[in-house]
Amino acid sequence: MLQPNEKKPSFEESKFETEKRLKIVETIEHKLSDCSDALILVGSMAYGRNYCVRQGSDIDLIVLVEPQNIDEVVNCGLFERESHAKDFAKAFTEGVAQVCTLKYFSDGVKSECHIWDKETRYKISRFEIEHAIRFSTSPKSSSDVHLDFSGKQRHIERESVHFGEYFLVKYPAFVIQEGCFVPYEPLSNIVMNPDIMFTKDKSLYGNIDILWQKLAQRLSQENSGIIDLSRQSIVLSQTGHWNLPPETRKKLEYRTEKALDNLGVKYVYADI
């Protein structure tokens, strides 16, 4: 992900790198279409196509799976290089872990497939649970810096325990720090303009709608009176919001406004 002060790629570079990655996504979709319930493209390839995707950009995908299908997923032909895949499948089936990232490499591009237990993912979207257990080869995270509704950075360490030669990591959907709501990847990935490649379960869309309403409720709880969305917003709480194309930012702002309208909450953009 590009950092706030990094120069964005040219349109020509981003378009070329986007098209290259879309072909890889097609391969992944073909491999996973029979054994998974949904495939969701997230990250820069979802929110920044032809805009901020560059040569070093990874592909991020959420894969929703039923426990009885996990063996078929890890043996689909994408993850032969992932030595921990079968151990994760066992932990997944036994209910020890609900999510794990498996990598696939093609044409010099890394794809990270975040394999999720479908029901756990839905419960997180509905705020019914606050975290999942992630099966990992490392106790560390690629990023422990996240943002609150004002865009302020919050650094929070994740808890982990040894599990044989692996780790079980507490993977929060959000935390509350100093009274401020701080969303993590399980929520942010679904907010930042996700592209649903396929789903066999149409309730996925309803769960995304519920997530937006829950976020709007929390935003209103932290702001008394009229909310100034130029200073406090769902968009500002998303890591990478500085990379959003103008049309995508407007789309997410509209979704925020719609959710607040449903709650009867008033808002302005004071800095515009």
Protein backbone atom coordinates (compact mmCIF):
# COMPACT_ATOMS: atom_id res chain seq x y z
CA MET A 1 0.00 0.00 0.00
CA LEU A 2 1.23 3.49 -0.86
CA GLN A 3 1.88 5.66 2.18
CA PRO A 4 0.35 9.17 2.40
CA ASN A 5 3.40 11.00 1.04
CA GLU A 6 4.39 8.46 -1.62
CA LYS A 7 4.04 9.41 -5.27
CA LYS A 8 1.26 7.58 -7.07
CA PRO A 9 2.11 5.64 -10.23
CA SER A 10 1.29 7.04 -13.63
CA PHE A 11 -2.05 6.10 -15.15
CA GLU A 12 -0.25 3.96 -17.73
CA GLU A 13 1.68 2.00 -15.07
CA SER A 14 -1.35 1.53 -12.86
CA LYS A 15 -3.52 0.42 -15.77
CA PHE A 16 -0.90 -2.13 -16.89
CA GLU A 17 -0.38 -3.49 -13.36
CA THR A 18 -4.13 -3.60 -12.74
CA GLU A 19 -4.81 -5.62 -15.90
CA LYS A 20 -1.95 -7.99 -15.06
CA ARG A 21 -3.44 -8.67 -11.64
CA LEU A 22 -6.99 -9.09 -12.91
CA LYS A 23 -5.77 -12.02 -15.03
CA ILE A 24 -4.28 -13.61 -11.92
CA VAL A 25 -7.54 -13.06 -10.03
CA GLU A 26 -9.37 -14.91 -12.82
CA THR A 27 -7.10 -17.92 -12.28
CA ILE A 28 -7.71 -17.85 -8.53
CA GLU A 29 -11.46 -17.49 -9.02
CA HIS A 30 -11.51 -20.50 -11.34
CA LYS A 31 -9.67 -22.64 -8.78
CA LEU A 32 -11.86 -21.61 -5.84
CA SER A 33 -15.30 -21.29 -7.42
CA ASP A 34 -16.39 -24.86 -6.67
CA CYS A 35 -15.02 -25.26 -3.15
CA SER A 36 -15.66 -21.86 -1.51
CA ASP A 37 -18.81 -19.86 -0.80
CA ALA A 38 -17.53 -16.44 -1.84
CA LEU A 39 -14.48 -14.68 -3.22
CA ILE A 40 -14.05 -10.97 -2.46
CA LEU A 41 -11.33 -8.82 -3.97
CA VAL A 42 -10.19 -6.21 -1.42
CA GLY A 43 -7.28 -3.80 -0.93
CA SER A 44 -5.87 -1.55 -3.63
CA MET A 45 -7.12 -3.82 -6.42
CA ALA A 46 -10.67 -3.15 -5.20
CA TYR A 47 -10.53 0.55 -4.37
CA GLY A 48 -7.68 1.81 -6.58
CA ARG A 49 -7.75 0.08 -9.95
CA ASN A 50 -5.94 2.06 -12.65
CA TYR A 51 -5.10 4.64 -9.97
CA CYS A 52 -2.76 3.48 -7.18
CA VAL A 53 -1.99 -0.14 -8.15
CA ARG A 54 1.73 -0.31 -8.93
CA GLN A 55 4.45 -2.84 -9.71
CA GLY A 56 4.90 -3.84 -6.06
CA SER A 57 1.20 -4.16 -5.22
CA ASP A 58 -0.05 -7.43 -3.78
CA ILE A 59 -3.48 -8.90 -4.45
CA ASP A 60 -5.71 -9.33 -1.41
CA LEU A 61 -8.70 -11.66 -1.48
CA ILE A 62 -11.17 -12.80 1.17
CA VAL A 63 -12.29 -16.40 0.70
CA LEU A 64 -15.39 -17.51 2.64
CA VAL A 65 -15.45 -21.24 3.36
CA GLU A 66 -17.60 -23.80 5.14
CA PRO A 67 -15.55 -26.11 7.43
CA GLN A 68 -16.45 -29.22 5.43
CA ASN A 69 -14.85 -27.68 2.31
CA ILE A 70 -11.54 -26.51 3.77
CA ASP A 71 -9.52 -29.53 2.59
CA GLU A 72 -10.67 -28.95 -0.96
CA VAL A 73 -9.69 -25.28 -0.71
CA VAL A 74 -6.14 -25.90 0.52
CA ASN A 75 -5.68 -28.65 -2.10
CA CYS A 76 -7.10 -26.64 -5.03
CA GLY A 77 -3.69 -26.27 -6.68
CA LEU A 78 -2.88 -22.72 -5.57
CA PHE A 79 -1.11 -23.23 -2.28
CA GLU A 80 1.46 -26.00 -2.80
CA ARG A 81 4.23 -23.69 -1.53
CA GLU A 82 2.40 -23.08 1.76
CA SER A 83 3.73 -25.83 4.05
CA HIS A 84 1.33 -24.87 6.85
CA ALA A 85 -1.83 -25.12 4.72
CA LYS A 86 -2.79 -28.65 5.77
CA ASP A 87 -2.09 -27.92 9.44
CA PHE A 88 -4.34 -24.88 9.17
CA ALA A 89 -7.06 -27.01 7.57
CA LYS A 90 -6.96 -29.37 10.55
CA ALA A 91 -7.14 -26.48 13.05
CA PHE A 92 -9.95 -24.91 11.00
CA THR A 93 -11.99 -28.12 10.96
CA GLU A 94 -11.52 -28.58 14.70
CA GLY A 95 -12.66 -25.00 15.40
CA VAL A 96 -9.28 -23.94 16.81
CA ALA A 97 -8.78 -21.18 14.23
CA GLN A 98 -11.21 -19.33 11.96
CA VAL A 99 -8.89 -17.52 9.55
CA CYS A 100 -5.50 -17.95 7.89
CA THR A 101 -3.68 -16.26 5.04
CA LEU A 102 -2.36 -18.51 2.26
CA LYS A 103 -0.17 -17.04 -0.46
CA TYR A 104 -0.14 -17.74 -4.18
CA PHE A 105 2.62 -16.47 -6.49
CA SER A 106 2.22 -15.90 -10.21
CA ASP A 107 4.05 -13.73 -12.74
CA GLY A 108 6.03 -12.00 -9.99
CA VAL A 109 2.90 -11.02 -8.06
CA LYS A 110 1.98 -12.19 -4.56
CA SER A 111 -1.69 -12.92 -3.89
CA GLU A 112 -2.77 -13.19 -0.27
CA CYS A 113 -5.91 -15.30 0.13
CA HIS A 114 -7.43 -14.67 3.53
CA ILE A 115 -9.35 -17.89 4.18
CA TRP A 116 -12.26 -17.26 6.55
CA ASP A 117 -14.86 -19.40 8.22
CA LYS A 118 -17.98 -17.92 6.66
CA GLU A 119 -20.15 -17.75 9.78
CA THR A 120 -17.35 -16.17 11.83
CA ARG A 121 -16.91 -13.54 9.12
CA TYR A 122 -20.62 -12.76 9.14
CA LYS A 123 -20.71 -12.49 12.95
CA ILE A 124 -17.86 -10.00 12.82
CA SER A 125 -19.71 -7.90 10.22
CA ARG A 126 -22.72 -7.81 12.54
CA PHE A 127 -20.55 -6.91 15.57
CA GLU A 128 -21.70 -10.12 17.30
CA ILE A 129 -18.10 -11.03 18.08
CA GLU A 130 -15.08 -8.74 18.42
CA HIS A 131 -12.30 -10.99 17.18
CA ALA A 132 -11.39 -14.23 15.44
CA ILE A 133 -8.45 -16.57 15.99
CA ARG A 134 -5.92 -16.44 13.20
CA PHE A 135 -3.63 -19.38 12.39
CA SER A 136 -0.19 -17.99 11.55
CA THR A 137 3.44 -18.90 11.09
CA SER A 138 4.43 -15.71 12.96
CA PRO A 139 3.10 -13.81 15.99
CA LYS A 140 3.76 -10.52 14.20
CA SER A 141 1.43 -8.59 11.95
CA SER A 142 2.31 -6.80 8.74
CA SER A 143 0.71 -3.69 10.26
CA ASP A 144 -0.26 -2.85 13.80
CA VAL A 145 -1.09 0.77 12.98
CA HIS A 146 -4.74 1.59 12.48
CA LEU A 147 -6.89 4.71 12.48
CA ASP A 148 -9.79 6.05 14.49
CA PHE A 149 -12.67 8.12 13.04
CA SER A 150 -10.50 11.27 13.09
CA GLY A 151 -7.74 9.55 11.10
CA LYS A 152 -5.41 9.49 14.11
CA GLN A 153 -3.00 6.57 14.13
CA ARG A 154 -3.43 4.00 16.89
CA HIS A 155 -0.79 1.38 17.57
CA ILE A 156 -1.98 -1.78 19.28
CA GLU A 157 -0.12 -5.05 19.78
CA ARG A 158 -1.95 -8.27 18.97
CA GLU A 159 -2.00 -11.14 21.45
CA SER A 160 -0.77 -14.58 20.39
CA VAL A 161 -0.01 -18.00 21.84
CA HIS A 162 2.13 -20.86 20.58
CA PHE A 163 0.33 -23.69 18.81
CA GLY A 164 2.94 -26.33 18.12
CA GLU A 165 5.33 -24.76 15.63
CA TYR A 166 2.70 -22.14 14.71
CA PHE A 167 0.83 -19.35 16.46
CA LEU A 168 -2.78 -18.58 17.24
CA VAL A 169 -3.20 -14.82 17.01
CA LYS A 170 -6.11 -12.84 18.40
CA TYR A 171 -7.34 -11.03 15.30
CA PRO A 172 -9.59 -8.15 16.33
CA ALA A 173 -12.34 -6.70 14.18
CA PHE A 174 -11.96 -3.50 16.17
CA VAL A 175 -10.70 -2.15 19.47
CA ILE A 176 -11.73 0.77 21.66
CA GLN A 177 -8.75 2.90 22.65
CA GLU A 178 -9.21 5.97 24.85
CA GLY A 179 -12.91 5.85 24.02
CA CYS A 180 -12.24 5.84 20.27
CA PHE A 181 -13.38 3.11 17.89
CA VAL A 182 -10.51 1.70 15.82
CA PRO A 183 -11.44 -0.72 12.99
CA TYR A 184 -9.07 -3.48 11.92
CA GLU A 185 -8.72 -5.34 8.62
CA PRO A 186 -11.73 -7.65 9.11
CA LEU A 187 -13.93 -4.54 8.95
CA SER A 188 -11.82 -2.21 6.82
CA ASN A 189 -11.44 -4.69 3.96
CA ILE A 190 -15.21 -4.83 3.59
CA VAL A 191 -15.64 -1.04 3.82
CA MET A 192 -13.05 -0.03 1.23
CA ASN A 193 -15.07 -0.73 -1.91
CA PRO A 194 -14.82 -4.56 -1.99
CA ASP A 195 -15.40 -6.31 -5.30
CA ILE A 196 -17.44 -9.48 -4.85
CA MET A 197 -16.13 -11.80 -7.55
CA PHE A 198 -18.76 -14.41 -6.74
CA THR A 199 -20.97 -15.49 -3.86
CA LYS A 200 -23.24 -18.49 -3.41
CA ASP A 201 -24.82 -16.88 -0.35
CA LYS A 202 -26.74 -13.67 -1.06
CA SER A 203 -26.85 -12.84 2.65
CA LEU A 204 -23.28 -11.57 2.17
CA TYR A 205 -24.74 -8.32 0.83
CA GLY A 206 -27.04 -7.96 3.82
CA ASN A 207 -24.13 -8.47 6.20
CA ILE A 208 -22.22 -5.67 4.47
CA ASP A 209 -25.24 -3.38 4.88
CA ILE A 210 -25.39 -4.25 8.59
CA LEU A 211 -21.69 -3.44 8.95
CA TRP A 212 -22.21 0.06 7.55
CA GLN A 213 -25.10 0.68 9.93
CA LYS A 214 -23.04 -0.50 12.91
CA LEU A 215 -20.17 1.78 11.94
CA ALA A 216 -22.51 4.74 11.55
CA GLN A 217 -24.01 4.03 14.99
CA ARG A 218 -20.56 4.03 16.55
CA LEU A 219 -19.60 7.23 14.70
CA SER A 220 -22.72 8.96 16.04
CA GLN A 221 -21.98 7.74 19.58
CA GLU A 222 -18.60 9.45 19.50
CA ASN A 223 -20.01 12.74 18.24
CA SER A 224 -22.71 14.71 20.01
CA GLY A 225 -24.88 16.91 17.82
CA ILE A 226 -24.13 17.45 14.14
CA ILE A 227 -21.19 15.38 12.85
CA ASP A 228 -18.55 17.18 10.81
CA LEU A 229 -17.65 14.49 8.28
CA SER A 230 -14.58 16.42 7.15
CA ARG A 231 -13.07 15.77 10.60
CA GLN A 232 -14.71 12.54 11.83
CA SER A 233 -15.87 9.87 9.41
CA ILE A 234 -15.87 6.20 8.50
CA VAL A 235 -13.67 6.97 5.49
CA LEU A 236 -10.97 8.63 7.63
CA SER A 237 -10.77 5.50 9.80
CA GLN A 238 -9.71 3.36 6.84
CA THR A 239 -6.00 2.73 6.37
CA GLY A 240 -5.23 3.69 2.78
CA HIS A 241 -8.03 6.25 2.42
CA TRP A 242 -5.42 8.67 1.05
CA ASN A 243 -5.13 6.40 -2.01
CA LEU A 244 -8.82 6.53 -2.93
CA PRO A 245 -9.71 7.77 -6.42
CA PRO A 246 -12.12 10.73 -6.18
CA GLU A 247 -15.09 8.74 -7.51
CA THR A 248 -14.51 5.93 -5.00
CA ARG A 249 -14.19 8.40 -2.12
CA LYS A 250 -17.50 9.95 -3.14
CA LYS A 251 -19.10 6.50 -3.23
CA LEU A 252 -17.93 5.73 0.32
CA GLU A 253 -18.96 9.17 1.56
CA TYR A 254 -22.42 8.62 0.07
CA ARG A 255 -22.68 5.27 1.82
CA THR A 256 -21.75 6.95 5.10
CA GLU A 257 -24.37 9.64 4.56
CA LYS A 258 -27.03 7.06 3.75
CA ALA A 259 -26.26 5.10 6.93
CA LEU A 260 -26.42 8.27 9.03
CA ASP A 261 -29.68 9.29 7.32
CA ASN A 262 -31.15 5.94 8.33
CA LEU A 263 -30.28 6.77 11.94
CA GLY A 264 -31.66 10.29 11.69
CA VAL A 265 -28.22 11.75 12.43
CA LYS A 266 -27.32 15.17 11.00
CA TYR A 267 -23.95 15.89 9.41
CA VAL A 268 -22.02 18.56 7.52
CA TYR A 269 -18.70 18.95 5.71
CA ALA A 270 -17.40 22.07 7.45
CA ASP A 271 -14.03 22.16 5.65
CA ILE A 272 -15.51 22.05 2.16
